[in-house]
Amino acid sequence: MNDCRKIRDNERNLIIFLLEKLELNTKQYPINEDVEEYEDGKMGSISMGNPDILAYKDDLIQAKYKDTDKTEVVITLTQCTNNQLLDLDFWKVDFSKLITYPKPEDLTFTE
């Protein structure tokens, strides 16, 4: 991972949207101001916790969308064993670079 940076507005807005979809909020799951990018930001994944001391617990929610090149992207918001936000994980199914960061209205959910 790279050095810490400030969370971007589009990342924060996406996290808030995903939490609201679960009927949760940022009081229950505060969003860190400082994040770290995975893979130099290639796919858009960020860590919101300290992975050295926080362990993955489970996925909170998963969504999908189509990037500009029509490739499917799976987005997963995860929590750690301390019940805090851990990652906003993006997986572009062909492992290529993310072209367009999604807006909440771009997402689809399977129940």
PDB file of N, CA and C in Angstrom:
ATOM      1  N   MET A   1       0.833  -1.185   0.000  1.00  0.00           N
ATOM      2  CA  MET A   1       0.000   0.000   0.000  1.00  0.00           C
ATOM      3  C   MET A   1       0.876   1.246   0.000  1.00  0.00           C
ATOM      4  N   ASN A   2       0.291   2.332  -0.449  1.00  0.00           N
ATOM      5  CA  ASN A   2       0.991   3.608  -0.492  1.00  0.00           C
ATOM      6  C   ASN A   2       0.856   4.324   0.841  1.00  0.00           C
ATOM      7  N   ASP A   3       1.423   5.512   0.906  1.00  0.00           N
ATOM      8  CA  ASP A   3       1.264   6.359   2.073  1.00  0.00           C
ATOM      9  C   ASP A   3      -0.195   6.779   2.213  1.00  0.00           C
ATOM     10  N   CYS A   4      -0.526   7.232   3.400  1.00  0.00           N
ATOM     11  CA  CYS A   4      -1.892   7.710   3.650  1.00  0.00           C
ATOM     12  C   CYS A   4      -2.190   8.950   2.821  1.00  0.00           C
ATOM     13  N   ARG A   5      -3.450   9.089   2.495  1.00  0.00           N
ATOM     14  CA  ARG A   5      -3.938  10.308   1.847  1.00  0.00           C
ATOM     15  C   ARG A   5      -5.328  10.578   2.403  1.00  0.00           C
ATOM     16  N   LYS A   6      -5.835  11.762   2.162  1.00  0.00           N
ATOM     17  CA  LYS A   6      -7.175  12.129   2.601  1.00  0.00           C
ATOM     18  C   LYS A   6      -8.211  11.415   1.720  1.00  0.00           C
ATOM     19  N   ILE A   7      -9.294  11.002   2.330  1.00  0.00           N
ATOM     20  CA  ILE A   7     -10.365  10.365   1.576  1.00  0.00           C
ATOM     21  C   ILE A   7     -10.975  11.386   0.626  1.00  0.00           C
ATOM     22  N   ARG A   8     -11.333  10.951  -0.559  1.00  0.00           N
ATOM     23  CA  ARG A   8     -11.934  11.835  -1.570  1.00  0.00           C
ATOM     24  C   ARG A   8     -13.445  11.900  -1.343  1.00  0.00           C
ATOM     25  N   ASP A   9     -14.042  12.997  -1.788  1.00  0.00           N
ATOM     26  CA  ASP A   9     -15.488  13.177  -1.620  1.00  0.00           C
ATOM     27  C   ASP A   9     -16.284  12.057  -2.268  1.00  0.00           C
ATOM     28  N   ASN A  10     -15.869  11.618  -3.480  1.00  0.00           N
ATOM     29  CA  ASN A  10     -16.636  10.569  -4.158  1.00  0.00           C
ATOM     30  C   ASN A  10     -16.551   9.242  -3.401  1.00  0.00           C
ATOM     31  N   GLU A  11     -15.433   8.988  -2.752  1.00  0.00           N
ATOM     32  CA  GLU A  11     -15.287   7.766  -1.947  1.00  0.00           C
ATOM     33  C   GLU A  11     -16.187   7.851  -0.714  1.00  0.00           C
ATOM     34  N   ARG A  12     -16.130   8.986  -0.035  1.00  0.00           N
ATOM     35  CA  ARG A  12     -16.966   9.190   1.150  1.00  0.00           C
ATOM     36  C   ARG A  12     -18.454   9.066   0.798  1.00  0.00           C
ATOM     37  N   ASN A  13     -18.850   9.705  -0.284  1.00  0.00           N
ATOM     38  CA  ASN A  13     -20.262   9.661  -0.692  1.00  0.00           C
ATOM     39  C   ASN A  13     -20.703   8.238  -1.007  1.00  0.00           C
ATOM     40  N   LEU A  14     -19.849   7.467  -1.640  1.00  0.00           N
ATOM     41  CA  LEU A  14     -20.184   6.085  -1.964  1.00  0.00           C
ATOM     42  C   LEU A  14     -20.328   5.253  -0.685  1.00  0.00           C
ATOM     43  N   ILE A  15     -19.436   5.439   0.258  1.00  0.00           N
ATOM     44  CA  ILE A  15     -19.509   4.709   1.521  1.00  0.00           C
ATOM     45  C   ILE A  15     -20.792   5.073   2.277  1.00  0.00           C
ATOM     46  N   ILE A  16     -21.104   6.348   2.343  1.00  0.00           N
ATOM     47  CA  ILE A  16     -22.336   6.784   3.014  1.00  0.00           C
ATOM     48  C   ILE A  16     -23.548   6.160   2.345  1.00  0.00           C
ATOM     49  N   PHE A  17     -23.577   6.156   1.019  1.00  0.00           N
ATOM     50  CA  PHE A  17     -24.684   5.550   0.285  1.00  0.00           C
ATOM     51  C   PHE A  17     -24.821   4.067   0.623  1.00  0.00           C
ATOM     52  N   LEU A  18     -23.702   3.343   0.644  1.00  0.00           N
ATOM     53  CA  LEU A  18     -23.742   1.912   0.950  1.00  0.00           C
ATOM     54  C   LEU A  18     -24.211   1.670   2.384  1.00  0.00           C
ATOM     55  N   LEU A  19     -23.747   2.472   3.319  1.00  0.00           N
ATOM     56  CA  LEU A  19     -24.209   2.341   4.701  1.00  0.00           C
ATOM     57  C   LEU A  19     -25.706   2.604   4.805  1.00  0.00           C
ATOM     58  N   GLU A  20     -26.178   3.656   4.133  1.00  0.00           N
ATOM     59  CA  GLU A  20     -27.609   3.976   4.170  1.00  0.00           C
ATOM     60  C   GLU A  20     -28.451   2.862   3.568  1.00  0.00           C
ATOM     61  N   LYS A  21     -27.925   2.206   2.556  1.00  0.00           N
ATOM     62  CA  LYS A  21     -28.621   1.064   1.955  1.00  0.00           C
ATOM     63  C   LYS A  21     -28.857  -0.034   2.990  1.00  0.00           C
ATOM     64  N   LEU A  22     -27.949  -0.116   3.965  1.00  0.00           N
ATOM     65  CA  LEU A  22     -28.049  -1.104   5.045  1.00  0.00           C
ATOM     66  C   LEU A  22     -28.792  -0.559   6.264  1.00  0.00           C
ATOM     67  N   GLU A  23     -29.292   0.679   6.135  1.00  0.00           N
ATOM     68  CA  GLU A  23     -29.938   1.376   7.250  1.00  0.00           C
ATOM     69  C   GLU A  23     -28.960   1.584   8.411  1.00  0.00           C
ATOM     70  N   LEU A  24     -27.715   1.880   8.040  1.00  0.00           N
ATOM     71  CA  LEU A  24     -26.665   2.218   8.980  1.00  0.00           C
ATOM     72  C   LEU A  24     -26.224   3.653   8.709  1.00  0.00           C
ATOM     73  N   ASN A  25     -25.359   4.184   9.571  1.00  0.00           N
ATOM     74  CA  ASN A  25     -24.893   5.552   9.359  1.00  0.00           C
ATOM     75  C   ASN A  25     -23.449   5.698   9.833  1.00  0.00           C
ATOM     76  N   THR A  26     -22.924   6.910   9.658  1.00  0.00           N
ATOM     77  CA  THR A  26     -21.518   7.153   9.992  1.00  0.00           C
ATOM     78  C   THR A  26     -21.287   7.298  11.494  1.00  0.00           C
ATOM     79  N   LYS A  27     -22.336   7.370  12.285  1.00  0.00           N
ATOM     80  CA  LYS A  27     -22.148   7.320  13.742  1.00  0.00           C
ATOM     81  C   LYS A  27     -21.846   5.889  14.164  1.00  0.00           C
ATOM     82  N   GLN A  28     -22.505   4.946  13.506  1.00  0.00           N
ATOM     83  CA  GLN A  28     -22.258   3.531  13.793  1.00  0.00           C
ATOM     84  C   GLN A  28     -20.945   3.061  13.169  1.00  0.00           C
ATOM     85  N   TYR A  29     -20.652   3.551  11.984  1.00  0.00           N
ATOM     86  CA  TYR A  29     -19.437   3.190  11.243  1.00  0.00           C
ATOM     87  C   TYR A  29     -18.741   4.472  10.780  1.00  0.00           C
ATOM     88  N   PRO A  30     -17.973   5.114  11.671  1.00  0.00           N
ATOM     89  CA  PRO A  30     -17.280   6.345  11.278  1.00  0.00           C
ATOM     90  C   PRO A  30     -16.329   6.106  10.096  1.00  0.00           C
ATOM     91  N   ILE A  31     -16.215   7.120   9.261  1.00  0.00           N
ATOM     92  CA  ILE A  31     -15.341   7.043   8.094  1.00  0.00           C
ATOM     93  C   ILE A  31     -14.044   7.780   8.409  1.00  0.00           C
ATOM     94  N   ASN A  32     -12.932   7.077   8.318  1.00  0.00           N
ATOM     95  CA  ASN A  32     -11.628   7.694   8.565  1.00  0.00           C
ATOM     96  C   ASN A  32     -11.337   8.759   7.518  1.00  0.00           C
ATOM     97  N   GLU A  33     -10.689   9.815   7.960  1.00  0.00           N
ATOM     98  CA  GLU A  33     -10.262  10.869   7.045  1.00  0.00           C
ATOM     99  C   GLU A  33      -9.065  10.432   6.216  1.00  0.00           C
ATOM    100  N   ASP A  34      -8.248   9.561   6.770  1.00  0.00           N
ATOM    101  CA  ASP A  34      -7.047   9.092   6.089  1.00  0.00           C
ATOM    102  C   ASP A  34      -7.258   7.666   5.600  1.00  0.00           C
ATOM    103  N   VAL A  35      -6.907   7.421   4.358  1.00  0.00           N
ATOM    104  CA  VAL A  35      -7.056   6.103   3.742  1.00  0.00           C
ATOM    105  C   VAL A  35      -5.753   5.742   3.031  1.00  0.00           C
ATOM    106  N   GLU A  36      -5.649   4.479   2.673  1.00  0.00           N
ATOM    107  CA  GLU A  36      -4.521   4.011   1.870  1.00  0.00           C
ATOM    108  C   GLU A  36      -5.081   3.300   0.643  1.00  0.00           C
ATOM    109  N   GLU A  37      -4.443   3.494  -0.491  1.00  0.00           N
ATOM    110  CA  GLU A  37      -4.872   2.843  -1.727  1.00  0.00           C
ATOM    111  C   GLU A  37      -4.198   1.493  -1.872  1.00  0.00           C
ATOM    112  N   TYR A  38      -4.937   0.541  -2.401  1.00  0.00           N
ATOM    113  CA  TYR A  38      -4.365  -0.747  -2.783  1.00  0.00           C
ATOM    114  C   TYR A  38      -3.939  -0.665  -4.246  1.00  0.00           C
ATOM    115  N   GLU A  39      -2.893  -1.351  -4.612  1.00  0.00           N
ATOM    116  CA  GLU A  39      -2.408  -1.446  -5.999  1.00  0.00           C
ATOM    117  C   GLU A  39      -2.224  -0.081  -6.652  1.00  0.00           C
ATOM    118  N   ASP A  40      -1.704   0.876  -5.891  1.00  0.00           N
ATOM    119  CA  ASP A  40      -1.473   2.231  -6.407  1.00  0.00           C
ATOM    120  C   ASP A  40      -2.737   2.859  -6.990  1.00  0.00           C
ATOM    121  N   GLY A  41      -3.895   2.484  -6.472  1.00  0.00           N
ATOM    122  CA  GLY A  41      -5.148   3.072  -6.915  1.00  0.00           C
ATOM    123  C   GLY A  41      -5.667   2.529  -8.228  1.00  0.00           C
ATOM    124  N   LYS A  42      -5.079   1.462  -8.739  1.00  0.00           N
ATOM    125  CA  LYS A  42      -5.443   0.926 -10.056  1.00  0.00           C
ATOM    126  C   LYS A  42      -6.933   0.632 -10.180  1.00  0.00           C
ATOM    127  N   MET A  43      -7.500  -0.061  -9.190  1.00  0.00           N
ATOM    128  CA  MET A  43      -8.921  -0.434  -9.270  1.00  0.00           C
ATOM    129  C   MET A  43      -9.809   0.399  -8.369  1.00  0.00           C
ATOM    130  N   GLY A  44      -9.250   1.265  -7.537  1.00  0.00           N
ATOM    131  CA  GLY A  44     -10.065   2.125  -6.685  1.00  0.00           C
ATOM    132  C   GLY A  44     -10.232   1.649  -5.255  1.00  0.00           C
ATOM    133  N   SER A  45      -9.640   0.509  -4.896  1.00  0.00           N
ATOM    134  CA  SER A  45      -9.786  -0.023  -3.547  1.00  0.00           C
ATOM    135  C   SER A  45      -9.012   0.810  -2.535  1.00  0.00           C
ATOM    136  N   ILE A  46      -9.640   1.015  -1.360  1.00  0.00           N
ATOM    137  CA  ILE A  46      -8.977   1.745  -0.289  1.00  0.00           C
ATOM    138  C   ILE A  46      -9.129   1.002   1.036  1.00  0.00           C
ATOM    139  N   SER A  47      -8.137   1.182   1.891  1.00  0.00           N
ATOM    140  CA  SER A  47      -8.180   0.676   3.255  1.00  0.00           C
ATOM    141  C   SER A  47      -8.505   1.848   4.168  1.00  0.00           C
ATOM    142  N   MET A  48      -9.462   1.625   5.064  1.00  0.00           N
ATOM    143  CA  MET A  48      -9.851   2.682   6.000  1.00  0.00           C
ATOM    144  C   MET A  48      -9.397   2.397   7.418  1.00  0.00           C
ATOM    145  N   GLY A  49      -8.631   1.342   7.575  1.00  0.00           N
ATOM    146  CA  GLY A  49      -8.166   0.965   8.903  1.00  0.00           C
ATOM    147  C   GLY A  49      -6.698   0.629   8.859  1.00  0.00           C
ATOM    148  N   ASN A  50      -6.182   0.167   9.962  1.00  0.00           N
ATOM    149  CA  ASN A  50      -4.795  -0.255  10.028  1.00  0.00           C
ATOM    150  C   ASN A  50      -4.754  -1.769   9.867  1.00  0.00           C
ATOM    151  N   PRO A  51      -4.406  -2.273   8.684  1.00  0.00           N
ATOM    152  CA  PRO A  51      -4.449  -3.714   8.447  1.00  0.00           C
ATOM    153  C   PRO A  51      -3.483  -4.509   9.317  1.00  0.00           C
ATOM    154  N   ASP A  52      -2.502  -3.835   9.942  1.00  0.00           N
ATOM    155  CA  ASP A  52      -1.569  -4.550  10.811  1.00  0.00           C
ATOM    156  C   ASP A  52      -2.216  -4.959  12.128  1.00  0.00           C
ATOM    157  N   ILE A  53      -3.240  -4.194  12.560  1.00  0.00           N
ATOM    158  CA  ILE A  53      -3.876  -4.518  13.837  1.00  0.00           C
ATOM    159  C   ILE A  53      -5.343  -4.906  13.694  1.00  0.00           C
ATOM    160  N   LEU A  54      -5.923  -4.663  12.529  1.00  0.00           N
ATOM    161  CA  LEU A  54      -7.330  -4.976  12.319  1.00  0.00           C
ATOM    162  C   LEU A  54      -7.465  -6.143  11.356  1.00  0.00           C
ATOM    163  N   ALA A  55      -8.256  -7.100  11.721  1.00  0.00           N
ATOM    164  CA  ALA A  55      -8.462  -8.272  10.873  1.00  0.00           C
ATOM    165  C   ALA A  55      -9.851  -8.213  10.235  1.00  0.00           C
ATOM    166  N   TYR A  56      -9.939  -8.724   9.028  1.00  0.00           N
ATOM    167  CA  TYR A  56     -11.200  -8.807   8.302  1.00  0.00           C
ATOM    168  C   TYR A  56     -12.196  -9.644   9.100  1.00  0.00           C
ATOM    169  N   LYS A  57     -13.432  -9.148   9.198  1.00  0.00           N
ATOM    170  CA  LYS A  57     -14.510  -9.900   9.847  1.00  0.00           C
ATOM    171  C   LYS A  57     -15.488 -10.418   8.802  1.00  0.00           C
ATOM    172  N   ASP A  58     -16.089  -9.474   8.033  1.00  0.00           N
ATOM    173  CA  ASP A  58     -17.005  -9.899   6.988  1.00  0.00           C
ATOM    174  C   ASP A  58     -17.380  -8.733   6.085  1.00  0.00           C
ATOM    175  N   ASP A  59     -18.126  -9.076   5.039  1.00  0.00           N
ATOM    176  CA  ASP A  59     -18.624  -8.069   4.108  1.00  0.00           C
ATOM    177  C   ASP A  59     -19.892  -7.458   4.682  1.00  0.00           C
ATOM    178  N   LEU A  60     -19.999  -6.141   4.582  1.00  0.00           N
ATOM    179  CA  LEU A  60     -21.230  -5.471   4.977  1.00  0.00           C
ATOM    180  C   LEU A  60     -22.228  -5.463   3.824  1.00  0.00           C
ATOM    181  N   ILE A  61     -21.733  -5.139   2.633  1.00  0.00           N
ATOM    182  CA  ILE A  61     -22.607  -5.037   1.461  1.00  0.00           C
ATOM    183  C   ILE A  61     -21.760  -5.166   0.204  1.00  0.00           C
ATOM    184  N   GLN A  62     -22.395  -5.657  -0.855  1.00  0.00           N
ATOM    185  CA  GLN A  62     -21.718  -5.791  -2.143  1.00  0.00           C
ATOM    186  C   GLN A  62     -22.625  -5.215  -3.220  1.00  0.00           C
ATOM    187  N   ALA A  63     -22.013  -4.505  -4.152  1.00  0.00           N
ATOM    188  CA  ALA A  63     -22.731  -3.907  -5.273  1.00  0.00           C
ATOM    189  C   ALA A  63     -21.931  -4.142  -6.541  1.00  0.00           C
ATOM    190  N   LYS A  64     -22.591  -3.933  -7.677  1.00  0.00           N
ATOM    191  CA  LYS A  64     -21.922  -4.074  -8.972  1.00  0.00           C
ATOM    192  C   LYS A  64     -22.246  -2.863  -9.831  1.00  0.00           C
ATOM    193  N   TYR A  65     -21.374  -2.633 -10.791  1.00  0.00           N
ATOM    194  CA  TYR A  65     -21.655  -1.643 -11.830  1.00  0.00           C
ATOM    195  C   TYR A  65     -20.774  -1.943 -13.030  1.00  0.00           C
ATOM    196  N   LYS A  66     -21.108  -1.314 -14.138  1.00  0.00           N
ATOM    197  CA  LYS A  66     -20.324  -1.469 -15.369  1.00  0.00           C
ATOM    198  C   LYS A  66     -19.460  -0.233 -15.547  1.00  0.00           C
ATOM    199  N   ASP A  67     -18.163  -0.447 -15.688  1.00  0.00           N
ATOM    200  CA  ASP A  67     -17.241   0.649 -15.943  1.00  0.00           C
ATOM    201  C   ASP A  67     -17.488   1.175 -17.363  1.00  0.00           C
ATOM    202  N   THR A  68     -16.846   2.260 -17.691  1.00  0.00           N
ATOM    203  CA  THR A  68     -17.024   2.892 -19.003  1.00  0.00           C
ATOM    204  C   THR A  68     -16.762   1.924 -20.149  1.00  0.00           C
ATOM    205  N   ASP A  69     -15.846   0.979 -19.950  1.00  0.00           N
ATOM    206  CA  ASP A  69     -15.539  -0.001 -20.998  1.00  0.00           C
ATOM    207  C   ASP A  69     -16.473  -1.216 -20.968  1.00  0.00           C
ATOM    208  N   LYS A  70     -17.559  -1.114 -20.183  1.00  0.00           N
ATOM    209  CA  LYS A  70     -18.600  -2.153 -20.066  1.00  0.00           C
ATOM    210  C   LYS A  70     -18.153  -3.379 -19.272  1.00  0.00           C
ATOM    211  N   THR A  71     -17.009  -3.287 -18.605  1.00  0.00           N
ATOM    212  CA  THR A  71     -16.526  -4.393 -17.781  1.00  0.00           C
ATOM    213  C   THR A  71     -17.154  -4.303 -16.396  1.00  0.00           C
ATOM    214  N   GLU A  72     -17.617  -5.447 -15.893  1.00  0.00           N
ATOM    215  CA  GLU A  72     -18.252  -5.479 -14.581  1.00  0.00           C
ATOM    216  C   GLU A  72     -17.240  -5.214 -13.465  1.00  0.00           C
ATOM    217  N   VAL A  73     -17.682  -4.442 -12.480  1.00  0.00           N
ATOM    218  CA  VAL A  73     -16.880  -4.140 -11.299  1.00  0.00           C
ATOM    219  C   VAL A  73     -17.715  -4.517 -10.081  1.00  0.00           C
ATOM    220  N   VAL A  74     -17.107  -5.257  -9.167  1.00  0.00           N
ATOM    221  CA  VAL A  74     -17.762  -5.635  -7.920  1.00  0.00           C
ATOM    222  C   VAL A  74     -17.164  -4.768  -6.814  1.00  0.00           C
ATOM    223  N   ILE A  75     -18.036  -4.137  -6.035  1.00  0.00           N
ATOM    224  CA  ILE A  75     -17.617  -3.258  -4.951  1.00  0.00           C
ATOM    225  C   ILE A  75     -18.098  -3.875  -3.644  1.00  0.00           C
ATOM    226  N   THR A  76     -17.180  -4.003  -2.683  1.00  0.00           N
ATOM    227  CA  THR A  76     -17.532  -4.597  -1.399  1.00  0.00           C
ATOM    228  C   THR A  76     -17.060  -3.686  -0.276  1.00  0.00           C
ATOM    229  N   LEU A  77     -17.974  -3.372   0.632  1.00  0.00           N
ATOM    230  CA  LEU A  77     -17.639  -2.625   1.831  1.00  0.00           C
ATOM    231  C   LEU A  77     -17.481  -3.643   2.958  1.00  0.00           C
ATOM    232  N   THR A  78     -16.306  -3.663   3.586  1.00  0.00           N
ATOM    233  CA  THR A  78     -16.011  -4.671   4.595  1.00  0.00           C
ATOM    234  C   THR A  78     -15.819  -4.040   5.976  1.00  0.00           C
ATOM    235  N   GLN A  79     -15.947  -4.899   6.984  1.00  0.00           N
ATOM    236  CA  GLN A  79     -15.685  -4.456   8.344  1.00  0.00           C
ATOM    237  C   GLN A  79     -14.640  -5.354   8.991  1.00  0.00           C
ATOM    238  N   CYS A  80     -14.010  -4.815  10.034  1.00  0.00           N
ATOM    239  CA  CYS A  80     -12.979  -5.561  10.747  1.00  0.00           C
ATOM    240  C   CYS A  80     -13.567  -6.194  12.003  1.00  0.00           C
ATOM    241  N   THR A  81     -12.739  -6.923  12.716  1.00  0.00           N
ATOM    242  CA  THR A  81     -13.185  -7.617  13.917  1.00  0.00           C
ATOM    243  C   THR A  81     -13.590  -6.658  15.025  1.00  0.00           C
ATOM    244  N   ASN A  82     -13.212  -5.380  14.922  1.00  0.00           N
ATOM    245  CA  ASN A  82     -13.638  -4.362  15.890  1.00  0.00           C
ATOM    246  C   ASN A  82     -14.931  -3.680  15.458  1.00  0.00           C
ATOM    247  N   ASN A  83     -15.598  -4.236  14.436  1.00  0.00           N
ATOM    248  CA  ASN A  83     -16.840  -3.669  13.895  1.00  0.00           C
ATOM    249  C   ASN A  83     -16.655  -2.226  13.437  1.00  0.00           C
ATOM    250  N   GLN A  84     -15.545  -1.983  12.758  1.00  0.00           N
ATOM    251  CA  GLN A  84     -15.260  -0.703  12.127  1.00  0.00           C
ATOM    252  C   GLN A  84     -15.083  -0.956  10.634  1.00  0.00           C
ATOM    253  N   LEU A  85     -15.231   0.105   9.843  1.00  0.00           N
ATOM    254  CA  LEU A  85     -14.991  -0.035   8.412  1.00  0.00           C
ATOM    255  C   LEU A  85     -13.541  -0.423   8.177  1.00  0.00           C
ATOM    256  N   LEU A  86     -13.334  -1.375   7.296  1.00  0.00           N
ATOM    257  CA  LEU A  86     -11.980  -1.837   6.989  1.00  0.00           C
ATOM    258  C   LEU A  86     -11.574  -1.453   5.571  1.00  0.00           C
ATOM    259  N   ASP A  87     -12.351  -1.899   4.577  1.00  0.00           N
ATOM    260  CA  ASP A  87     -12.000  -1.652   3.177  1.00  0.00           C
ATOM    261  C   ASP A  87     -13.230  -1.275   2.357  1.00  0.00           C
ATOM    262  N   LEU A  88     -12.988  -0.486   1.339  1.00  0.00           N
ATOM    263  CA  LEU A  88     -13.923  -0.321   0.228  1.00  0.00           C
ATOM    264  C   LEU A  88     -13.180  -0.956  -0.934  1.00  0.00           C
ATOM    265  N   ASP A  89     -13.586  -2.173  -1.259  1.00  0.00           N
ATOM    266  CA  ASP A  89     -12.830  -2.996  -2.204  1.00  0.00           C
ATOM    267  C   ASP A  89     -13.499  -2.994  -3.578  1.00  0.00           C
ATOM    268  N   PHE A  90     -12.711  -2.717  -4.606  1.00  0.00           N
ATOM    269  CA  PHE A  90     -13.169  -2.767  -5.989  1.00  0.00           C
ATOM    270  C   PHE A  90     -12.478  -3.931  -6.674  1.00  0.00           C
ATOM    271  N   TRP A  91     -13.245  -4.728  -7.416  1.00  0.00           N
ATOM    272  CA  TRP A  91     -12.661  -5.816  -8.196  1.00  0.00           C
ATOM    273  C   TRP A  91     -13.240  -5.742  -9.605  1.00  0.00           C
ATOM    274  N   LYS A  92     -12.418  -5.310 -10.525  1.00  0.00           N
ATOM    275  CA  LYS A  92     -12.816  -5.280 -11.929  1.00  0.00           C
ATOM    276  C   LYS A  92     -12.509  -6.661 -12.483  1.00  0.00           C
ATOM    277  N   VAL A  93     -13.526  -7.335 -13.009  1.00  0.00           N
ATOM    278  CA  VAL A  93     -13.416  -8.763 -13.290  1.00  0.00           C
ATOM    279  C   VAL A  93     -12.318  -9.127 -14.278  1.00  0.00           C
ATOM    280  N   ASP A  94     -11.873  -8.188 -15.093  1.00  0.00           N
ATOM    281  CA  ASP A  94     -10.763  -8.498 -16.003  1.00  0.00           C
ATOM    282  C   ASP A  94      -9.421  -7.966 -15.469  1.00  0.00           C
ATOM    283  N   PHE A  95      -9.432  -7.475 -14.226  1.00  0.00           N
ATOM    284  CA  PHE A  95      -8.243  -6.963 -13.544  1.00  0.00           C
ATOM    285  C   PHE A  95      -7.635  -5.727 -14.211  1.00  0.00           C
ATOM    286  N   SER A  96      -8.366  -5.084 -15.104  1.00  0.00           N
ATOM    287  CA  SER A  96      -7.847  -3.873 -15.737  1.00  0.00           C
ATOM    288  C   SER A  96      -8.062  -2.666 -14.822  1.00  0.00           C
ATOM    289  N   LYS A  97      -7.486  -1.542 -15.187  1.00  0.00           N
ATOM    290  CA  LYS A  97      -7.572  -0.310 -14.411  1.00  0.00           C
ATOM    291  C   LYS A  97      -8.996   0.253 -14.453  1.00  0.00           C
ATOM    292  N   LEU A  98      -9.458   0.735 -13.313  1.00  0.00           N
ATOM    293  CA  LEU A  98     -10.754   1.395 -13.236  1.00  0.00           C
ATOM    294  C   LEU A  98     -10.707   2.675 -14.069  1.00  0.00           C
ATOM    295  N   ILE A  99     -11.699   2.873 -14.911  1.00  0.00           N
ATOM    296  CA  ILE A  99     -11.738   4.048 -15.776  1.00  0.00           C
ATOM    297  C   ILE A  99     -12.549   5.167 -15.132  1.00  0.00           C
ATOM    298  N   THR A 100     -13.765   4.845 -14.708  1.00  0.00           N
ATOM    299  CA  THR A 100     -14.674   5.841 -14.153  1.00  0.00           C
ATOM    300  C   THR A 100     -15.141   5.418 -12.771  1.00  0.00           C
ATOM    301  N   TYR A 101     -14.939   6.292 -11.779  1.00  0.00           N
ATOM    302  CA  TYR A 101     -15.396   5.991 -10.429  1.00  0.00           C
ATOM    303  C   TYR A 101     -16.918   6.054 -10.418  1.00  0.00           C
ATOM    304  N   PRO A 102     -17.574   5.063  -9.820  1.00  0.00           N
ATOM    305  CA  PRO A 102     -19.039   5.013  -9.890  1.00  0.00           C
ATOM    306  C   PRO A 102     -19.729   6.041  -8.999  1.00  0.00           C
ATOM    307  N   LYS A 103     -20.904   6.432  -9.426  1.00  0.00           N
ATOM    308  CA  LYS A 103     -21.804   7.240  -8.610  1.00  0.00           C
ATOM    309  C   LYS A 103     -22.813   6.269  -7.999  1.00  0.00           C
ATOM    310  N   PRO A 104     -23.412   6.635  -6.882  1.00  0.00           N
ATOM    311  CA  PRO A 104     -24.390   5.731  -6.264  1.00  0.00           C
ATOM    312  C   PRO A 104     -25.475   5.245  -7.223  1.00  0.00           C
ATOM    313  N   GLU A 105     -25.928   6.093  -8.105  1.00  0.00           N
ATOM    314  CA  GLU A 105     -26.997   5.694  -9.030  1.00  0.00           C
ATOM    315  C   GLU A 105     -26.534   4.686 -10.080  1.00  0.00           C
ATOM    316  N   ASP A 106     -25.227   4.482 -10.199  1.00  0.00           N
ATOM    317  CA  ASP A 106     -24.686   3.504 -11.160  1.00  0.00           C
ATOM    318  C   ASP A 106     -24.725   2.074 -10.622  1.00  0.00           C
ATOM    319  N   LEU A 107     -24.927   1.923  -9.313  1.00  0.00           N
ATOM    320  CA  LEU A 107     -24.804   0.615  -8.677  1.00  0.00           C
ATOM    321  C   LEU A 107     -26.063  -0.225  -8.802  1.00  0.00           C
ATOM    322  N   THR A 108     -25.853  -1.534  -8.849  1.00  0.00           N
ATOM    323  CA  THR A 108     -26.957  -2.490  -8.773  1.00  0.00           C
ATOM    324  C   THR A 108     -26.681  -3.438  -7.610  1.00  0.00           C
ATOM    325  N   PHE A 109     -27.751  -3.980  -7.069  1.00  0.00           N
ATOM    326  CA  PHE A 109     -27.650  -4.866  -5.913  1.00  0.00           C
ATOM    327  C   PHE A 109     -28.464  -6.118  -6.189  1.00  0.00           C
ATOM    328  N   THR A 110     -27.961  -7.246  -5.704  1.00  0.00           N
ATOM    329  CA  THR A 110     -28.730  -8.475  -5.763  1.00  0.00           C
ATOM    330  C   THR A 110     -29.113  -8.831  -4.343  1.00  0.00           C
ATOM    331  N   GLU A 111     -30.339  -9.118  -4.160  1.00  0.00           N
ATOM    332  CA  GLU A 111     -30.853  -9.412  -2.809  1.00  0.00           C
ATOM    333  C   GLU A 111     -30.701 -10.881  -2.506  1.00  0.00           C
TER     334      GLU A 111
END
